[in-house]
Each structure stands twice: as structure tokens, then as C-alpha cells.
Amino acid sequence: MERIRLLYHGSRTPTLFMLLCGLVCAVLLWDQGHVPGLSLWLLGLVFLAVLRLTQVAAFSRAAPARQAHPRWHRLFMLGAAVSGCVLAVGAVTLVPADLFFLQAMVFGLVAAAIISASVAYAVSLPAFLSFALPCLGPAMGYLLLSPHPLLQGWGLLAGILLAGLMVVAWQVNRLVLRNLLRRFQNLALIQHLEEAKARAEGLNHQLAREVEQRRRAERELRAARDELEERVELRTRELAQAGHALSESEERLALALEASGLGLWDWNLETDEVHHSRLKEIFGIEPAAVTGVIRHLRPRLHPDDLPALRRALVEHLKGLSDGYCIEYRVRHADGHWMWIEDRGRAVERDASGKVLRMIGTRRDISQWKSREEEQRLSAMVFEAASEGIVILDADYRVLMVNRAYSEVTGYRLEDVQGRRLAELGDNRDLHRQYQAIYAELERHGHWQGELMDTRKNGELYPQWLQLNVVRDRQGRVSHVVAFFADLTARREAEERLRYLTHYDELTGLANRVLFMERLHEAGQRARHEGRRVALLHLDLDRFKLLNDSLGHEVADQLLRQMSHRLLQAVPEADTVARLSGDEFAVILDAYTSLSALARIAGRLLAKLRVPMTIGDHELVVSASMGISLMPENAREISTLVSQAGMAMRHAKHLGGNIFQFFTDNLHARTVERLQLENQLRKSIEQGQLEVFYQPKLCLADDSINSAEALVRWRCPEQGLVSPGEFIALAEETGLIGPIGEFVLRTACRQAREWQRQGLADLRVSVNISVHQLRQGNLVRLIHEVLEETGLPPRLLELELTESQLLDNVESVISIFRQLRELGVKLAIDDFGTGYSSLSYLKRFPVDYVKIDQTFVRDLSHGGEDAAITRAIIAMAHSLGLKVVAEGVETQEQMDFLKLQRCDEIQGYLISRPVETPAFASLLREQAALCS
């Protein structure tokens, strides 16, 4: 109903605006002809406008009940639809199709009329649709179907306008409905407020009646109260006299309790109710929070003190004690633990002797406990202190000593109590020193320094003494505290440290620091006095192997004996020093001649080489010695040391057990060796290494079934370098690792390539160095290379020399077993050259044994080498191993080995090591012969 009113009241303005727009359009179109149609259209608009306004006026005069009749809504919808059709017909039929400006003006006015009417009718969506669809629908269809493009554009614009108007009408309708809803809610709220006002007025009348009744009751109560006050006043005067006496007694008691710090408690054991005084002051809690001992106070007790408290209380309740007294801890309100002294006594019992009531006192003894604990800790620290502590009185007489003092001096407390420290011994110097110390104390209040004192047994000892004066509150000296420490151990440690600074702890020889000082001094004398200095640098041969095999304890004993021999062998030496683990140095200041120096060096090496017995081991240890001379070889100490080390390393390189003088030629060879090392490093990086192959002949069918891969270095400056010139260097410098990996990868890749070409299933042998074994990744490397190249594991054979097998037997056996599980073949190279090969052979999981070429070179049927070779072949076959003989160069050697059932041979008789193409040719020739 409300929306109908809004529709009628809001339709006046758009109706008048629509009439105005129609008049303006008529004026604009009057010159274009169509006068009859235009006149008819204009009359229709005027008639509809008058009729619409009349309808609105009639609706406004009608009663609300009549306004609610559906007839008015239907009439409004009909009028809206007719108005829209008339407006659309005129806009479409009367506007020329070729005048854009006139079209824009007319269509714009019509659109303005439509928009104003649509916004007004948007209160009701049916009303809006009854006007908008007849107004824009036929016109839009007519314009879109028109052959004129311009009119089609206006038709499209009409469609857009219709869509926009529908959205606007929807929003307006939603807002109107929301506002109407709010209006109805406000009306309902106003009606509710009016009802509440009426109810409030009724309550006010009722309240007035009740107030009157209350006033009457108050008058009656006032009269009764006056009578009661007279009676109470009389009774109060009687009690005031008794209360005054009681308050005076309570005041005196409170003052006494305040002064003593005690709190009273009264405990009813039947109800567990308790009355406290000073509870806030002692426990920090309100009295209302603790009304029962068991319920409230017991949870605050420390768990460790609860058994003792319970035991003391039970004893008193049973009558076993006259009173109850206990100290325990209680948690304060702020969370910390406090000590309480609790005293009590049973004051009431029943007929059976059961305690009904107890009264007692309690006080806070936390400060007293803290002082007691501090005193106990002080006494404990006093006794447990590692330094001696003596407490003296103002006259410097002993009052107290601690245990450390007695342990250091030998004096007990009863020996020194009441005596002065200076009086304990017969040392007059010490007595004079104490007199000076007392004077210093009186001036400054403290003294510290070092003294030589006497123990009870008469032994002198150094001590560090510190004295401090303690004064009382009046500033007078009350005590003197003395702290002292025995410096004997510190002096010994300092002496020991000074010794270790210059001497080796194990051997007692000079260490490197003292050695360099003595060498500099000898160099200074040589420069200023024209003397000559010889430096002998020694290194024990194979000491590391001995250390690893026999253990550090045996090695230390060996070093001590070697040091003793050095001192005996060169008594004329200025200094004998131990530089590092197994390196020693001897400084000879002012030697006579080179021949005498050579005799000294030979005598020294011979002395060191004498067999010695350490435990159950008889050992023969030799040494390598390098000798450098000053000023013949060097004028600087650093150069002299470097040259002696260089000569020593050259002696060790020559096999050890010899001495070598430093020469310029040795320096040149060392430089050449360094250059060769640098070139070898570059060759690995630049790919100058190659792999040659030496075939192995199977004696069973005279076929080449395997080959040994050998590395060659093709140097751009030196040409093809043989392995003998760089393999040992590679072993020393650690370059053998990358070289061995290169040979392994190249050989496996080439063997697989020959297999793919159909030349042969060739077993390729690769030498493994001990350096690769020590790295710990050999098994993983082999597995990785086999996977990369695709070579079957059975076609790879790894060779390790017999001496390398003995470097770390258990580790090598473990690695060999892992390789054996992969399917790789294993061989012992240079067999027969080791001193313990036969004892270890059965432990190594190998497949082949290679007889060293030293046995094959001088092979004859009656010689020793022939017997050794036969024994090796027979032993290997008995263990299920195959035998390979290397270094075969003659037909006679081959015949002998074939007669002894040797499995394979290798040597120049078959072929020298050749490059890959040449070896492939050998395989092709063999394949051609077999076919």
C-alpha cells in the first residue's frame, strides 16, 4: 500500500516533464511536415497527461481503505503502459531518418522523459516494466530493423538505455524497500515505547503506595529502636568497665609480642580451626586465607621438613614430650621459603586423654638461619681453601689456622695458637722481615710479598704471603688475616717449563728452539772468528713402518736409545738436537777437515746401526744423513739448514744408511726434480699422459688373452718420458692418485671398445698404488668406472706389488675381498721380492701371482732362480692360483716356463709395450690366424 502511494505521488513530476518534452519535440518537428500526425500525437500526450494528473488527484482524495483496493494499482499500470506506447510511437514515426541533429535532440528529450518516469516508477518493478518495456521495446525493435544504419545505432543505444534503466530501477527498488522496512520498524518501535510509557506510569502509582507503607513501618521501627538503645546503653556502661581492663591487658600482651616478634596461635584439633596473630607480618598472607592447620597451613610446608614436624607433633600428642618445639620451612606469600620456629603445648584433653586444643607461638628465624648458614659456609670455605689462612689478633698472635696451613707447614693449631708467626722458627732474617711487615701494615693496612719460611721439620720453602688488616666499627684493628701459598710446586713447574722450552721431553736433547739459538751462535762465531761450522741432519730409515707395526711405546724407547747413541758417538759436538719425530741434528763447531768430518759421520751411522733389543724385539735401525758446511756451502743459517735437509733427503732417496755432503750438483738435481714435478702436474692437467699395452701370452693355447696397461708421458720438451723417471716422483708427491685413475678409466674404456669391435674379450691389467689404497675410495672408484665404461668386471685385473701388500695387511685384505665380490680379478706383482710373502699369500684373496723378472732374467734348469720359479709355480697352483711370469725375453725362458706349467708370460719376446693402434693390429693378426 505504501509503495502505491509513492507511485502516485511520484508520478506527477515525470508526467509534467514528459508533457514538456513532447511539446519541445513538437516544436522541433513542426517544420519537417507530418503536421496531422504530429498534432494527433501531441493531443494524445496532452490527454494522457491530464488524465494522469486527474487520476493522481482522485487517489489522493480517496480514503486509505479505498486506496488499498487493487483497482488503483491496475489503473496506474495501464496508464503507464499507454504513456510509454504513445511516447515511443511519436519518437519513432515522426523523427526523420536522415537528420542526425534532429534525431539527437528528439531522442535525447524522449530519453530524458523516459529516464525521469523510470526512476519515479522504480518504486515498483511491475510499474517500471509496464512503462519501460512498451516505451523502449517496440521502438528499439523498429530502429534495429530499420535499413538506415543511423537508426540502427539509435536502436542499439535504446537497448543499452533499457538495460541501464533496469539496473537503476532494481537498485532504486531495493533502496525504497529497505527504507520502507526501516520506516515500519520505527513505527513499531514508537508504538512499543508508548506501551512501555503506560506500564511505567502504572508502576509509579504502585511504587508511591509502597513508599507510604514503608514510611509507616519506619516510624514503628524508630520507636522500637529508641527503646532498645536505652537498654543497650545501660548494658554498654556495664561492659565498658570490664573491656577497659581487658584492653589494657591485651595491649600489654601485644606490646610484649611485638617486641619479641612472636605470633600466637590457638588450634582446635576437633574442627581443625586455628586462630593466628601476626600472620600477615610473618607469612605475608591474610588471616582469612588460613583458617585450618591441616587444610591450609600444611600444604605450605616444605616437603623435606614435614616428617620431622609430624614426628614431633605426634610425640607431644601422645604425651611423650612436655612441649612441642620444631623448626621448619614455610613458603611465604611472595614464593620464597622462610624458616619458622614453632612452639606449643596441649591445653585441653578429653576424658580419654585425647588432645582437643593446643596453644603456642611461632616466630620467623630466617635471618638467624641465614647467619648460621653463612657461618657454616665460612667455616667450610676456611677449612677447604687450598691456600693457607691464618687469623691473627691485633697483637699479631695466632687465633685460628686452616687445614691447608697445617698441611704446608706441619704445624697444628695447638702448636701455633697464641704465638706470633715470626716466633715459630729460629730464622733471624725472617724475624726482621716480619718487623718490617708489621710496620707496613700499620701504615697501609695490607702487605704482600714472597718470603722464605721454615716448615716444622726444618725444611725451607718459598711462600707467597698476603696480610690484610680487619677493623671494627670504631676503626680500631681487630684482626689480621694472612693468606699464603707454597711456591715450591710453582717453582718446580717454572723450572720444568724453562727446561721444556729448550729441551725435548722424550730424549732430553736440545729441541728445535735451542738448536736454532745454538746454530745462530755458532754462525756468529764462524763469521767473527773465521771458524767453520758443519750441520749434520739425520733421519731414521723406515721409522714410520716400525712405529705403525710395533707401537708408540717401542718407538719412544728406540728414540731414547738413538739419542743416547748420538751423544756417545759425537762427544765433540757443540749441540745434539731432536728436530721432530725421527729427525735429529748435530752442530759441529770448528771441524778440522772434510775427511775428519766424513769419519765422524761414518762412525755416527755405524753406531746407530748396531742392533738393539727393546722388549722382545731385536731391531736394526739405520739413518740417512745430510751434511752442509758454513761458510763453504752457505753464509746464512736458514740456507745452511735447508741445504742439510736437501742432502739428507738425497741420501734417503739413494736407499738410506749413508751420508751425503751438500753440493751444487745436488742442488741442481733438486731444482731439476722440482721442475719435473711441476711439468708432471701440468701434463696431467693438459692430457699429455698416454696408455701403452703389453700383451700377455697364454701358454695353454699360445693366444693373447690379456694385456697390462702401462702409463707413458709424452712431454712436449723431452719427448716420451719412461715411467722409471716419473713414477717414483709421482708416488712421493701424491700425483700417483690422478695418474692411476686416468690409466684405469682409459684401459677399461679401451678394453670395452675392443670388445665391441669383436677383436677379443681381453682382460686388461692395471697397476694400483698404495696411495690409492690409503685414500679409502678404491672400491667405489672401480665400481664407478665399470659402470661408466660397461666393461664386465671379469675383464679387469688389478695388480699390487708384494711390498705394498704388507703396508697395512688387514686393510688390504678387506679391500681385496670387496673387489673380489665385484667380480674383479686380483694379482700380486713382483712376487718373491718380499721377506714375508709366503706367510701372507694364503690370506690374500687373489687370482694371479706374477713372478718378478729378476728370477726370470737368469733362468736356467740348474740355477737358483729356476728352483725358486718352480717352487713359486707349484705353491701357487696348490693354492688354486694362476702364475704369470714377466720379463720373458728368450725362447729358452719361454720353453722352461711352459714345461713348468706356467699359465701366462709377458715380456719383450712377445711384444714391447705398444700404443693402442699397434696393439689393435696384434689382436687383428691373432684373429686372422684363428680364422
Foldseek 3Di string as FASTA:
>chain_A
DVLLLLLLVLQLVLLVLLLVLLVVLLVLLVVVDPVVVSVVLNVVSVVLSVVSNVLSVVLVPDDPVVVPDCVSVVVLLVSLLVNLLSLQVCLQPRQDPPDPVSNCSSVVSSLVSLLSSLLSQLLDPSSNCSNLCSNLVVNLVVQCPDPRPVSVVVSVVSVVSSVVSNVSSVVSNVVSVVVVVVVVVVVVVVVVVVVVVVVVVVVVVVVVVVVVVVVVVVVVVVVVVVVVVVVVVVVCVVVVVVVVVVVVVVVVVVVVCVVVQKKKKKAFPVVQFMDIDCCCVAQVDDRVQDGGCVPRVVVQWDVVCVVVQVVQVVCQQVVVDQWRWDWTWGQHPVGDIFIKIWIKHQDDADPVSGGGMMMTIMHTCRVVVVVVVVVVVVVVCQQPPCWWKFKAFPVQATDDIYPNVCVVQVDDCVRGGRHHPLPLDPDVVSVVVVVVVVVVCVVPQKDWDKDFDAHNVGDTFIKIKIKGFDADPVRHTGMIMMTMDTCPVVVVVVVVVVQVVFAPPLQRFGEPVVVVVVLVVLLVCCVPVVAKKKKKKKFKPCLVLVCVPVHDVLSSVLQNVLSVLQCVLCVQFPGWYDYDSGMIMTMHIHDDDPVVVQVSVLSSQVSQQPWDDDPPDIDGMGMFMEMEMPPVHHSDSVRRVVQRVLQRVVRVVVPGSHYGYRDVVSVVVVVVLVVVVVQVVVCLVVVQKAWFWFFKAFLVVRDGAEIEIDIWGQRPVPGIDDCVVPVVVCVVVVVVVSVQLVSLLVQLLLCLVCVVVVLHNHQYEGEDELSNLVVVCPLVSNVVSCVVRVRQQLSYEYEYEPVSCPSPVVSQQVVQVSSVVSVHAYEYPCPPPDPCCVVCVLSHPHAEYEHHCVLLVPDDPPDPSVVVVLVVCVVQVVSNHAYEYEADDDPVSVVSCVVSVHGIYTHVNRHDGGHSVVVSVVSVVSVVVVD
